[in-house]
PDB file of N, CA and C in Angstrom:
ATOM      1  N   MET A   1      21.517 -10.534  30.003  1.00  0.00           N
ATOM      2  CA  MET A   1      22.062 -11.170  28.824  1.00  0.00           C
ATOM      3  C   MET A   1      21.407 -10.543  27.593  1.00  0.00           C
ATOM      4  N   ALA A   2      22.187 -10.142  26.628  1.00  0.00           N
ATOM      5  CA  ALA A   2      21.675  -9.489  25.420  1.00  0.00           C
ATOM      6  C   ALA A   2      20.991 -10.504  24.515  1.00  0.00           C
ATOM      7  N   ASP A   3      20.012 -10.013  23.784  1.00  0.00           N
ATOM      8  CA  ASP A   3      19.294 -10.840  22.840  1.00  0.00           C
ATOM      9  C   ASP A   3      20.200 -11.151  21.659  1.00  0.00           C
ATOM     10  N   ASP A   4      20.391 -12.421  21.345  1.00  0.00           N
ATOM     11  CA  ASP A   4      21.266 -12.827  20.246  1.00  0.00           C
ATOM     12  C   ASP A   4      20.463 -12.856  18.942  1.00  0.00           C
ATOM     13  N   PRO A   5      20.752 -11.927  17.984  1.00  0.00           N
ATOM     14  CA  PRO A   5      19.995 -11.876  16.736  1.00  0.00           C
ATOM     15  C   PRO A   5      20.057 -13.173  15.937  1.00  0.00           C
ATOM     16  N   LYS A   6      21.151 -13.939  16.088  1.00  0.00           N
ATOM     17  CA  LYS A   6      21.290 -15.203  15.362  1.00  0.00           C
ATOM     18  C   LYS A   6      20.278 -16.240  15.829  1.00  0.00           C
ATOM     19  N   LYS A   7      19.809 -16.101  17.088  1.00  0.00           N
ATOM     20  CA  LYS A   7      18.879 -17.083  17.634  1.00  0.00           C
ATOM     21  C   LYS A   7      17.416 -16.689  17.441  1.00  0.00           C
ATOM     22  N   ARG A   8      17.172 -15.461  16.919  1.00  0.00           N
ATOM     23  CA  ARG A   8      15.798 -15.036  16.680  1.00  0.00           C
ATOM     24  C   ARG A   8      15.216 -15.799  15.504  1.00  0.00           C
ATOM     25  N   PRO A   9      13.949 -16.195  15.598  1.00  0.00           N
ATOM     26  CA  PRO A   9      13.345 -16.884  14.453  1.00  0.00           C
ATOM     27  C   PRO A   9      13.173 -15.924  13.281  1.00  0.00           C
ATOM     28  N   GLU A  10      13.300 -16.454  12.078  1.00  0.00           N
ATOM     29  CA  GLU A  10      13.085 -15.673  10.857  1.00  0.00           C
ATOM     30  C   GLU A  10      11.611 -15.258  10.807  1.00  0.00           C
ATOM     31  N   PRO A  11      11.311 -13.974  10.503  1.00  0.00           N
ATOM     32  CA  PRO A  11       9.907 -13.562  10.421  1.00  0.00           C
ATOM     33  C   PRO A  11       9.200 -14.321   9.302  1.00  0.00           C
ATOM     34  N   SER A  12       7.937 -14.629   9.529  1.00  0.00           N
ATOM     35  CA  SER A  12       7.161 -15.343   8.521  1.00  0.00           C
ATOM     36  C   SER A  12       6.891 -14.427   7.330  1.00  0.00           C
ATOM     37  N   LEU A  13       6.505 -15.021   6.224  1.00  0.00           N
ATOM     38  CA  LEU A  13       6.153 -14.240   5.042  1.00  0.00           C
ATOM     39  C   LEU A  13       5.013 -13.281   5.377  1.00  0.00           C
ATOM     40  N   ALA A  14       4.037 -13.738   6.139  1.00  0.00           N
ATOM     41  CA  ALA A  14       2.914 -12.875   6.520  1.00  0.00           C
ATOM     42  C   ALA A  14       3.395 -11.683   7.337  1.00  0.00           C
ATOM     43  N   ASP A  15       4.337 -11.901   8.264  1.00  0.00           N
ATOM     44  CA  ASP A  15       4.879 -10.798   9.060  1.00  0.00           C
ATOM     45  C   ASP A  15       5.632  -9.809   8.186  1.00  0.00           C
ATOM     46  N   ARG A  16       6.421 -10.319   7.256  1.00  0.00           N
ATOM     47  CA  ARG A  16       7.169  -9.431   6.363  1.00  0.00           C
ATOM     48  C   ARG A  16       6.214  -8.679   5.445  1.00  0.00           C
ATOM     49  N   PHE A  17       5.224  -9.376   4.895  1.00  0.00           N
ATOM     50  CA  PHE A  17       4.281  -8.739   3.975  1.00  0.00           C
ATOM     51  C   PHE A  17       3.468  -7.668   4.691  1.00  0.00           C
ATOM     52  N   ALA A  18       3.095  -7.909   5.947  1.00  0.00           N
ATOM     53  CA  ALA A  18       2.281  -6.947   6.698  1.00  0.00           C
ATOM     54  C   ALA A  18       3.022  -5.631   6.907  1.00  0.00           C
ATOM     55  N   LYS A  19       4.339  -5.663   6.869  1.00  0.00           N
ATOM     56  CA  LYS A  19       5.123  -4.444   7.079  1.00  0.00           C
ATOM     57  C   LYS A  19       5.518  -3.769   5.777  1.00  0.00           C
ATOM     58  N   MET A  20       5.117  -4.340   4.645  1.00  0.00           N
ATOM     59  CA  MET A  20       5.471  -3.772   3.345  1.00  0.00           C
ATOM     60  C   MET A  20       4.479  -2.695   2.944  1.00  0.00           C
ATOM     61  N   VAL A  21       4.976  -1.711   2.250  1.00  0.00           N
ATOM     62  CA  VAL A  21       4.114  -0.687   1.673  1.00  0.00           C
ATOM     63  C   VAL A  21       3.660  -1.168   0.299  1.00  0.00           C
ATOM     64  N   ALA A  22       4.585  -1.546  -0.544  1.00  0.00           N
ATOM     65  CA  ALA A  22       4.293  -2.152  -1.841  1.00  0.00           C
ATOM     66  C   ALA A  22       5.263  -3.311  -2.001  1.00  0.00           C
ATOM     67  N   PRO A  23       4.768  -4.499  -2.312  1.00  0.00           N
ATOM     68  CA  PRO A  23       5.672  -5.643  -2.448  1.00  0.00           C
ATOM     69  C   PRO A  23       6.741  -5.370  -3.498  1.00  0.00           C
ATOM     70  N   PRO A  24       7.979  -5.744  -3.230  1.00  0.00           N
ATOM     71  CA  PRO A  24       9.069  -5.473  -4.164  1.00  0.00           C
ATOM     72  C   PRO A  24       8.834  -6.091  -5.534  1.00  0.00           C
ATOM     73  N   GLU A  25       8.029  -7.147  -5.599  1.00  0.00           N
ATOM     74  CA  GLU A  25       7.739  -7.786  -6.882  1.00  0.00           C
ATOM     75  C   GLU A  25       7.080  -6.817  -7.865  1.00  0.00           C
ATOM     76  N   LEU A  26       6.420  -5.787  -7.351  1.00  0.00           N
ATOM     77  CA  LEU A  26       5.781  -4.817  -8.232  1.00  0.00           C
ATOM     78  C   LEU A  26       6.798  -4.007  -9.028  1.00  0.00           C
ATOM     79  N   TYR A  27       8.052  -4.011  -8.604  1.00  0.00           N
ATOM     80  CA  TYR A  27       9.092  -3.282  -9.311  1.00  0.00           C
ATOM     81  C   TYR A  27       9.807  -4.151 -10.353  1.00  0.00           C
ATOM     82  N   ASP A  28       9.433  -5.398 -10.458  1.00  0.00           N
ATOM     83  CA  ASP A  28      10.034  -6.334 -11.409  1.00  0.00           C
ATOM     84  C   ASP A  28       9.226  -6.291 -12.702  1.00  0.00           C
ATOM     85  N   SER A  29       9.809  -5.727 -13.778  1.00  0.00           N
ATOM     86  CA  SER A  29       9.055  -5.524 -15.019  1.00  0.00           C
ATOM     87  C   SER A  29       8.562  -6.849 -15.615  1.00  0.00           C
ATOM     88  N   ARG A  30       9.341  -7.922 -15.473  1.00  0.00           N
ATOM     89  CA  ARG A  30       8.892  -9.229 -15.983  1.00  0.00           C
ATOM     90  C   ARG A  30       7.618  -9.689 -15.284  1.00  0.00           C
ATOM     91  N   ARG A  31       7.599  -9.591 -13.965  1.00  0.00           N
ATOM     92  CA  ARG A  31       6.402 -10.007 -13.217  1.00  0.00           C
ATOM     93  C   ARG A  31       5.218  -9.098 -13.527  1.00  0.00           C
ATOM     94  N   ARG A  32       5.476  -7.803 -13.662  1.00  0.00           N
ATOM     95  CA  ARG A  32       4.387  -6.871 -13.983  1.00  0.00           C
ATOM     96  C   ARG A  32       3.746  -7.248 -15.317  1.00  0.00           C
ATOM     97  N   ARG A  33       4.565  -7.561 -16.314  1.00  0.00           N
ATOM     98  CA  ARG A  33       4.010  -7.970 -17.619  1.00  0.00           C
ATOM     99  C   ARG A  33       3.217  -9.260 -17.474  1.00  0.00           C
ATOM    100  N   ARG A  34       3.765 -10.236 -16.735  1.00  0.00           N
ATOM    101  CA  ARG A  34       3.083 -11.524 -16.546  1.00  0.00           C
ATOM    102  C   ARG A  34       1.741 -11.334 -15.848  1.00  0.00           C
ATOM    103  N   TRP A  35       1.660 -10.354 -14.937  1.00  0.00           N
ATOM    104  CA  TRP A  35       0.419 -10.094 -14.203  1.00  0.00           C
ATOM    105  C   TRP A  35      -0.528  -9.167 -14.958  1.00  0.00           C
ATOM    106  N   GLY A  36      -0.122  -8.723 -16.147  1.00  0.00           N
ATOM    107  CA  GLY A  36      -0.980  -7.851 -16.940  1.00  0.00           C
ATOM    108  C   GLY A  36      -1.008  -6.414 -16.445  1.00  0.00           C
ATOM    109  N   LEU A  37       0.046  -5.986 -15.748  1.00  0.00           N
ATOM    110  CA  LEU A  37       0.134  -4.616 -15.241  1.00  0.00           C
ATOM    111  C   LEU A  37       0.989  -3.770 -16.172  1.00  0.00           C
ATOM    112  N   GLU A  38       0.784  -2.487 -16.133  1.00  0.00           N
ATOM    113  CA  GLU A  38       1.569  -1.553 -16.936  1.00  0.00           C
ATOM    114  C   GLU A  38       3.055  -1.742 -16.632  1.00  0.00           C
ATOM    115  N   ASP A  39       3.864  -1.656 -17.660  1.00  0.00           N
ATOM    116  CA  ASP A  39       5.293  -1.894 -17.486  1.00  0.00           C
ATOM    117  C   ASP A  39       6.069  -0.624 -17.828  1.00  0.00           C
ATOM    118  N   SER A  40       6.023   0.355 -16.938  1.00  0.00           N
ATOM    119  CA  SER A  40       6.769   1.593 -17.147  1.00  0.00           C
ATOM    120  C   SER A  40       7.481   1.957 -15.853  1.00  0.00           C
ATOM    121  N   ALA A  41       8.283   3.010 -15.902  1.00  0.00           N
ATOM    122  CA  ALA A  41       9.069   3.408 -14.730  1.00  0.00           C
ATOM    123  C   ALA A  41       8.182   3.833 -13.562  1.00  0.00           C
ATOM    124  N   ASN A  42       7.076   4.495 -13.821  1.00  0.00           N
ATOM    125  CA  ASN A  42       6.155   4.942 -12.772  1.00  0.00           C
ATOM    126  C   ASN A  42       4.745   4.491 -13.102  1.00  0.00           C
ATOM    127  N   PRO A  43       4.503   3.192 -13.021  1.00  0.00           N
ATOM    128  CA  PRO A  43       3.205   2.676 -13.443  1.00  0.00           C
ATOM    129  C   PRO A  43       2.073   3.021 -12.486  1.00  0.00           C
ATOM    130  N   ARG A  44       0.911   3.175 -13.049  1.00  0.00           N
ATOM    131  CA  ARG A  44      -0.296   3.252 -12.237  1.00  0.00           C
ATOM    132  C   ARG A  44      -1.007   1.931 -12.386  1.00  0.00           C
ATOM    133  N   GLY A  45      -1.651   1.507 -11.346  1.00  0.00           N
ATOM    134  CA  GLY A  45      -2.375   0.248 -11.411  1.00  0.00           C
ATOM    135  C   GLY A  45      -3.390   0.172 -10.290  1.00  0.00           C
ATOM    136  N   PRO A  46      -4.148  -0.921 -10.275  1.00  0.00           N
ATOM    137  CA  PRO A  46      -5.157  -1.101  -9.233  1.00  0.00           C
ATOM    138  C   PRO A  46      -4.503  -1.536  -7.921  1.00  0.00           C
ATOM    139  N   TYR A  47      -4.935  -0.919  -6.830  1.00  0.00           N
ATOM    140  CA  TYR A  47      -4.412  -1.252  -5.505  1.00  0.00           C
ATOM    141  C   TYR A  47      -5.542  -1.315  -4.493  1.00  0.00           C
ATOM    142  N   VAL A  48      -5.297  -2.059  -3.449  1.00  0.00           N
ATOM    143  CA  VAL A  48      -6.165  -2.052  -2.280  1.00  0.00           C
ATOM    144  C   VAL A  48      -5.341  -1.434  -1.161  1.00  0.00           C
ATOM    145  N   VAL A  49      -5.914  -0.426  -0.516  1.00  0.00           N
ATOM    146  CA  VAL A  49      -5.226   0.301   0.551  1.00  0.00           C
ATOM    147  C   VAL A  49      -5.920  -0.017   1.867  1.00  0.00           C
ATOM    148  N   GLU A  50      -5.129  -0.413   2.854  1.00  0.00           N
ATOM    149  CA  GLU A  50      -5.674  -0.663   4.187  1.00  0.00           C
ATOM    150  C   GLU A  50      -5.418   0.563   5.053  1.00  0.00           C
ATOM    151  N   LEU A  51      -6.469   1.063   5.676  1.00  0.00           N
ATOM    152  CA  LEU A  51      -6.338   2.220   6.559  1.00  0.00           C
ATOM    153  C   LEU A  51      -5.648   1.818   7.855  1.00  0.00           C
ATOM    154  N   ASN A  52      -4.977   2.776   8.460  1.00  0.00           N
ATOM    155  CA  ASN A  52      -4.277   2.564   9.721  1.00  0.00           C
ATOM    156  C   ASN A  52      -5.293   2.554  10.866  1.00  0.00           C
ATOM    157  N   LEU A  53      -5.483   1.407  11.471  1.00  0.00           N
ATOM    158  CA  LEU A  53      -6.436   1.281  12.575  1.00  0.00           C
ATOM    159  C   LEU A  53      -5.980   2.029  13.821  1.00  0.00           C
ATOM    160  N   GLN A  54      -4.706   2.380  13.886  1.00  0.00           N
ATOM    161  CA  GLN A  54      -4.176   3.073  15.057  1.00  0.00           C
ATOM    162  C   GLN A  54      -3.984   4.565  14.795  1.00  0.00           C
ATOM    163  N   HIS A  55      -4.602   5.076  13.752  1.00  0.00           N
ATOM    164  CA  HIS A  55      -4.517   6.504  13.427  1.00  0.00           C
ATOM    165  C   HIS A  55      -4.993   7.311  14.632  1.00  0.00           C
ATOM    166  N   LEU A  56      -4.326   8.421  14.929  1.00  0.00           N
ATOM    167  CA  LEU A  56      -4.666   9.232  16.106  1.00  0.00           C
ATOM    168  C   LEU A  56      -6.116   9.699  16.109  1.00  0.00           C
ATOM    169  N   GLU A  57      -6.698   9.918  14.903  1.00  0.00           N
ATOM    170  CA  GLU A  57      -8.083  10.376  14.812  1.00  0.00           C
ATOM    171  C   GLU A  57      -9.035   9.242  14.466  1.00  0.00           C
ATOM    172  N   GLY A  58      -8.598   8.005  14.679  1.00  0.00           N
ATOM    173  CA  GLY A  58      -9.451   6.855  14.426  1.00  0.00           C
ATOM    174  C   GLY A  58      -9.596   6.558  12.940  1.00  0.00           C
ATOM    175  N   LEU A  59     -10.486   5.635  12.655  1.00  0.00           N
ATOM    176  CA  LEU A  59     -10.696   5.202  11.285  1.00  0.00           C
ATOM    177  C   LEU A  59     -11.212   6.324  10.399  1.00  0.00           C
ATOM    178  N   ASN A  60     -12.107   7.162  10.917  1.00  0.00           N
ATOM    179  CA  ASN A  60     -12.615   8.285  10.119  1.00  0.00           C
ATOM    180  C   ASN A  60     -11.498   9.274   9.788  1.00  0.00           C
ATOM    181  N   GLY A  61     -10.608   9.512  10.726  1.00  0.00           N
ATOM    182  CA  GLY A  61      -9.470  10.399  10.471  1.00  0.00           C
ATOM    183  C   GLY A  61      -8.524   9.816   9.437  1.00  0.00           C
ATOM    184  N   ALA A  62      -8.299   8.507   9.514  1.00  0.00           N
ATOM    185  CA  ALA A  62      -7.435   7.849   8.529  1.00  0.00           C
ATOM    186  C   ALA A  62      -8.061   7.929   7.139  1.00  0.00           C
ATOM    187  N   ALA A  63      -9.377   7.710   7.060  1.00  0.00           N
ATOM    188  CA  ALA A  63     -10.073   7.770   5.771  1.00  0.00           C
ATOM    189  C   ALA A  63      -9.999   9.179   5.181  1.00  0.00           C
ATOM    190  N   LYS A  64     -10.233  10.175   6.008  1.00  0.00           N
ATOM    191  CA  LYS A  64     -10.190  11.561   5.526  1.00  0.00           C
ATOM    192  C   LYS A  64      -8.782  11.913   5.053  1.00  0.00           C
ATOM    193  N   GLN A  65      -7.772  11.537   5.833  1.00  0.00           N
ATOM    194  CA  GLN A  65      -6.396  11.842   5.455  1.00  0.00           C
ATOM    195  C   GLN A  65      -6.023  11.129   4.158  1.00  0.00           C
ATOM    196  N   PHE A  66      -6.439   9.870   4.006  1.00  0.00           N
ATOM    197  CA  PHE A  66      -6.148   9.138   2.774  1.00  0.00           C
ATOM    198  C   PHE A  66      -6.801   9.817   1.573  1.00  0.00           C
ATOM    199  N   GLU A  67      -8.080  10.160   1.691  1.00  0.00           N
ATOM    200  CA  GLU A  67      -8.783  10.798   0.573  1.00  0.00           C
ATOM    201  C   GLU A  67      -8.162  12.154   0.224  1.00  0.00           C
ATOM    202  N   ASP A  68      -7.806  12.937   1.249  1.00  0.00           N
ATOM    203  CA  ASP A  68      -7.167  14.238   1.002  1.00  0.00           C
ATOM    204  C   ASP A  68      -5.826  14.068   0.298  1.00  0.00           C
ATOM    205  N   LEU A  69      -5.025  13.119   0.755  1.00  0.00           N
ATOM    206  CA  LEU A  69      -3.717  12.866   0.158  1.00  0.00           C
ATOM    207  C   LEU A  69      -3.869  12.366  -1.278  1.00  0.00           C
ATOM    208  N   TYR A  70      -4.851  11.522  -1.498  1.00  0.00           N
ATOM    209  CA  TYR A  70      -5.089  11.001  -2.846  1.00  0.00           C
ATOM    210  C   TYR A  70      -5.422  12.152  -3.797  1.00  0.00           C
ATOM    211  N   ARG A  71      -6.326  13.041  -3.369  1.00  0.00           N
ATOM    212  CA  ARG A  71      -6.693  14.202  -4.204  1.00  0.00           C
ATOM    213  C   ARG A  71      -5.476  15.077  -4.500  1.00  0.00           C
ATOM    214  N   GLU A  72      -4.626  15.233  -3.497  1.00  0.00           N
ATOM    215  CA  GLU A  72      -3.449  16.098  -3.642  1.00  0.00           C
ATOM    216  C   GLU A  72      -2.414  15.498  -4.604  1.00  0.00           C
ATOM    217  N   LEU A  73      -2.211  14.187  -4.541  1.00  0.00           N
ATOM    218  CA  LEU A  73      -1.126  13.555  -5.287  1.00  0.00           C
ATOM    219  C   LEU A  73      -1.516  13.033  -6.662  1.00  0.00           C
ATOM    220  N   MET A  74      -2.773  12.713  -6.851  1.00  0.00           N
ATOM    221  CA  MET A  74      -3.198  12.119  -8.119  1.00  0.00           C
ATOM    222  C   MET A  74      -3.689  13.195  -9.079  1.00  0.00           C
ATOM    223  N   PRO A  75      -3.631  12.924 -10.383  1.00  0.00           N
ATOM    224  CA  PRO A  75      -4.151  13.886 -11.357  1.00  0.00           C
ATOM    225  C   PRO A  75      -5.644  14.120 -11.128  1.00  0.00           C
ATOM    226  N   ALA A  76      -6.100  15.294 -11.535  1.00  0.00           N
ATOM    227  CA  ALA A  76      -7.503  15.669 -11.314  1.00  0.00           C
ATOM    228  C   ALA A  76      -8.470  14.695 -11.962  1.00  0.00           C
ATOM    229  N   ASP A  77      -8.064  14.046 -13.069  1.00  0.00           N
ATOM    230  CA  ASP A  77      -8.979  13.137 -13.764  1.00  0.00           C
ATOM    231  C   ASP A  77      -8.938  11.704 -13.218  1.00  0.00           C
ATOM    232  N   ALA A  78      -8.103  11.440 -12.208  1.00  0.00           N
ATOM    233  CA  ALA A  78      -8.033  10.095 -11.623  1.00  0.00           C
ATOM    234  C   ALA A  78      -9.315   9.808 -10.851  1.00  0.00           C
ATOM    235  N   PRO A  79      -9.866   8.598 -11.009  1.00  0.00           N
ATOM    236  CA  PRO A  79     -11.073   8.267 -10.250  1.00  0.00           C
ATOM    237  C   PRO A  79     -10.771   8.236  -8.745  1.00  0.00           C
ATOM    238  N   MET A  80     -11.701   8.724  -7.960  1.00  0.00           N
ATOM    239  CA  MET A  80     -11.523   8.722  -6.501  1.00  0.00           C
ATOM    240  C   MET A  80     -11.554   7.285  -5.979  1.00  0.00           C
ATOM    241  N   PRO A  81     -10.862   7.030  -4.873  1.00  0.00           N
ATOM    242  CA  PRO A  81     -10.881   5.694  -4.262  1.00  0.00           C
ATOM    243  C   PRO A  81     -12.303   5.311  -3.856  1.00  0.00           C
ATOM    244  N   VAL A  82     -12.550   4.021  -3.850  1.00  0.00           N
ATOM    245  CA  VAL A  82     -13.857   3.489  -3.463  1.00  0.00           C
ATOM    246  C   VAL A  82     -13.663   2.665  -2.200  1.00  0.00           C
ATOM    247  N   ARG A  83     -14.439   2.975  -1.179  1.00  0.00           N
ATOM    248  CA  ARG A  83     -14.350   2.207   0.064  1.00  0.00           C
ATOM    249  C   ARG A  83     -15.047   0.875  -0.166  1.00  0.00           C
ATOM    250  N   ILE A  84     -14.312  -0.216  -0.023  1.00  0.00           N
ATOM    251  CA  ILE A  84     -14.872  -1.534  -0.297  1.00  0.00           C
ATOM    252  C   ILE A  84     -15.132  -2.340   0.972  1.00  0.00           C
ATOM    253  N   ALA A  85     -14.650  -1.853   2.083  1.00  0.00           N
ATOM    254  CA  ALA A  85     -14.881  -2.480   3.384  1.00  0.00           C
ATOM    255  C   ALA A  85     -14.583  -1.434   4.446  1.00  0.00           C
ATOM    256  N   ARG A  86     -14.796  -1.781   5.673  1.00  0.00           N
ATOM    257  CA  ARG A  86     -14.618  -0.825   6.768  1.00  0.00           C
ATOM    258  C   ARG A  86     -13.222  -0.188   6.772  1.00  0.00           C
ATOM    259  N   THR A  87     -12.200  -0.981   6.487  1.00  0.00           N
ATOM    260  CA  THR A  87     -10.830  -0.476   6.568  1.00  0.00           C
ATOM    261  C   THR A  87     -10.089  -0.485   5.240  1.00  0.00           C
ATOM    262  N   TYR A  88     -10.781  -0.769   4.137  1.00  0.00           N
ATOM    263  CA  TYR A  88     -10.098  -0.899   2.851  1.00  0.00           C
ATOM    264  C   TYR A  88     -10.711  -0.006   1.774  1.00  0.00           C
ATOM    265  N   TYR A  89      -9.814   0.523   0.929  1.00  0.00           N
ATOM    266  CA  TYR A  89     -10.196   1.280  -0.259  1.00  0.00           C
ATOM    267  C   TYR A  89      -9.605   0.591  -1.479  1.00  0.00           C
ATOM    268  N   ARG A  90     -10.313   0.681  -2.588  1.00  0.00           N
ATOM    269  CA  ARG A  90      -9.778   0.266  -3.885  1.00  0.00           C
ATOM    270  C   ARG A  90      -9.472   1.549  -4.648  1.00  0.00           C
ATOM    271  N   CYS A  91      -8.295   1.618  -5.279  1.00  0.00           N
ATOM    272  CA  CYS A  91      -7.941   2.838  -6.010  1.00  0.00           C
ATOM    273  C   CYS A  91      -6.937   2.528  -7.102  1.00  0.00           C
ATOM    274  N   THR A  92      -6.665   3.533  -7.896  1.00  0.00           N
ATOM    275  CA  THR A  92      -5.618   3.470  -8.903  1.00  0.00           C
ATOM    276  C   THR A  92      -4.493   4.358  -8.396  1.00  0.00           C
ATOM    277  N   SER A  93      -3.292   3.820  -8.377  1.00  0.00           N
ATOM    278  CA  SER A  93      -2.177   4.569  -7.818  1.00  0.00           C
ATOM    279  C   SER A  93      -0.881   4.066  -8.420  1.00  0.00           C
ATOM    280  N   LYS A  94       0.216   4.659  -7.988  1.00  0.00           N
ATOM    281  CA  LYS A  94       1.546   4.182  -8.331  1.00  0.00           C
ATOM    282  C   LYS A  94       2.043   3.305  -7.194  1.00  0.00           C
ATOM    283  N   ALA A  95       3.010   2.489  -7.464  1.00  0.00           N
ATOM    284  CA  ALA A  95       3.538   1.564  -6.459  1.00  0.00           C
ATOM    285  C   ALA A  95       4.558   2.236  -5.565  1.00  0.00           C
ATOM    286  N   THR A  96       4.246   3.409  -5.045  1.00  0.00           N
ATOM    287  CA  THR A  96       5.197   4.106  -4.201  1.00  0.00           C
ATOM    288  C   THR A  96       4.885   3.921  -2.723  1.00  0.00           C
ATOM    289  N   GLY A  97       3.652   3.636  -2.389  1.00  0.00           N
ATOM    290  CA  GLY A  97       3.275   3.387  -1.016  1.00  0.00           C
ATOM    291  C   GLY A  97       3.105   4.625  -0.182  1.00  0.00           C
ATOM    292  N   TRP A  98       2.113   4.612   0.660  1.00  0.00           N
ATOM    293  CA  TRP A  98       1.790   5.729   1.545  1.00  0.00           C
ATOM    294  C   TRP A  98       1.576   5.183   2.942  1.00  0.00           C
ATOM    295  N   TRP A  99       1.995   5.943   3.927  1.00  0.00           N
ATOM    296  CA  TRP A  99       1.688   5.607   5.322  1.00  0.00           C
ATOM    297  C   TRP A  99       0.733   6.672   5.834  1.00  0.00           C
ATOM    298  N   ILE A 100      -0.466   6.260   6.179  1.00  0.00           N
ATOM    299  CA  ILE A 100      -1.469   7.208   6.694  1.00  0.00           C
ATOM    300  C   ILE A 100      -1.970   6.698   8.027  1.00  0.00           C
TER     301      ILE A 100
END
């Protein structure tokens, strides 16, 4: 018997948020202004990045790949990300999202 999509429970907000790269609310200029964030087409702002725990090269490989990608994509004068916990970095970025 095939799985009936109508009978599947709606994913929780936490499940949906966990699969997001950048919450869609970040693209809403009204909310960005209310939150005190830059309101432009390609804004930069403060972000927390969670490393992929299932990265093929482990956490160290994920960290290295993230730092390399950040250097490649961000302007030379952008401050480097700061590791704030075992799996998290704080950085300044655009709301485009990265999968590492």
